Amino acid sequence: MRDVSLLLGKYIPKDVWSDFFDEYGEDFEQIKDRFYFWQARGSLIVALWFAEREDKESTKDYLNDFNYTVEKLNPKDSLN
């Protein structure tokens, strides 16, 4: 869940997440809190990694992802 949540959240539209989890026998509604937790955690870790390297643009991008995820929104949706 840890790796999948960050990749799905960053690159895959939210409207197909359920299809992805259906393929693996999971009901997204039952695992969404855990999904969002790992997505938020991953975004924050990546933001800190970029911050240590003084990459302000990428840091800001991943902090925005973190904030949207905490609100249980898909960061990819924020780009529209």
Protein backbone atom coordinates (compact mmCIF):
# COMPACT_ATOMS: atom_id res chain seq x y z
CA MET A 1 0.00 0.00 0.00
CA ARG A 2 2.86 2.31 0.83
CA ASP A 3 4.35 2.44 -2.68
CA VAL A 4 1.11 2.06 -4.62
CA SER A 5 -0.63 4.93 -2.85
CA LEU A 6 2.06 7.45 -3.78
CA LEU A 7 2.20 6.32 -7.42
CA LEU A 8 -1.56 6.19 -7.89
CA GLY A 9 -2.04 9.53 -6.19
CA LYS A 10 0.58 11.26 -8.26
CA TYR A 11 0.02 9.79 -11.71
CA ILE A 12 -3.35 8.03 -12.01
CA PRO A 13 -6.75 9.79 -12.12
CA LYS A 14 -8.82 9.17 -9.01
CA ASP A 15 -11.80 7.86 -10.98
CA VAL A 16 -9.91 4.65 -11.87
CA TRP A 17 -8.51 3.85 -8.42
CA SER A 18 -11.42 1.56 -7.60
CA ASP A 19 -10.83 -0.39 -10.82
CA PHE A 20 -7.19 -0.85 -9.85
CA PHE A 21 -8.06 -2.18 -6.39
CA ASP A 22 -10.88 -4.35 -7.77
CA GLU A 23 -8.25 -6.19 -9.83
CA TYR A 24 -6.47 -7.07 -6.58
CA GLY A 25 -9.63 -8.02 -4.71
CA GLU A 26 -9.72 -4.91 -2.54
CA ASP A 27 -12.63 -2.54 -1.97
CA PHE A 28 -11.22 1.00 -2.07
CA GLU A 29 -13.89 2.27 0.32
CA GLN A 30 -12.64 -0.16 2.97
CA ILE A 31 -8.98 0.73 2.60
CA LYS A 32 -9.13 4.42 1.69
CA ASP A 33 -8.04 5.73 5.11
CA ARG A 34 -4.96 3.53 5.01
CA PHE A 35 -4.37 4.53 1.37
CA TYR A 36 -4.52 8.25 2.17
CA PHE A 37 -2.27 7.80 5.21
CA TRP A 38 0.47 6.19 3.10
CA GLN A 39 -0.02 8.71 0.31
CA ALA A 40 0.35 11.64 2.72
CA ARG A 41 3.36 10.06 4.42
CA GLY A 42 5.10 9.42 1.08
CA SER A 43 4.45 12.93 -0.18
CA LEU A 44 5.87 14.45 3.00
CA ILE A 45 9.00 12.27 2.87
CA VAL A 46 9.64 13.21 -0.76
CA ALA A 47 9.04 16.92 0.04
CA LEU A 48 11.62 16.74 2.83
CA TRP A 49 14.08 15.00 0.51
CA PHE A 50 13.75 17.84 -2.02
CA ALA A 51 13.93 20.47 0.73
CA GLU A 52 17.28 19.05 1.90
CA ARG A 53 18.54 19.56 -1.65
CA GLU A 54 17.13 23.10 -1.76
CA ASP A 55 14.82 22.27 -4.67
CA LYS A 56 12.07 24.73 -3.76
CA GLU A 57 9.78 23.98 -6.70
CA SER A 58 9.66 20.21 -6.11
CA THR A 59 9.39 20.72 -2.36
CA LYS A 60 6.38 22.96 -2.88
CA ASP A 61 4.82 20.47 -5.30
CA TYR A 62 5.05 17.56 -2.86
CA LEU A 63 3.93 19.67 0.10
CA ASN A 64 0.86 20.60 -1.95
CA ASP A 65 0.30 16.90 -2.62
CA PHE A 66 0.59 16.26 1.12
CA ASN A 67 -1.94 18.98 1.97
CA TYR A 68 -4.47 17.76 -0.60
CA THR A 69 -4.01 14.17 0.55
CA VAL A 70 -4.59 15.08 4.16
CA GLU A 71 -7.91 16.48 3.03
CA LYS A 72 -8.46 13.14 1.23
CA LEU A 73 -8.28 14.61 -2.24
CA ASN A 74 -6.20 13.24 -5.06
CA PRO A 75 -3.19 15.52 -5.72
CA LYS A 76 -3.53 14.90 -9.46
CA ASP A 77 -7.05 16.40 -9.32
CA SER A 78 -5.59 19.67 -8.00
CA LEU A 79 -3.87 20.26 -11.33
CA ASN A 80 -7.16 20.60 -13.18
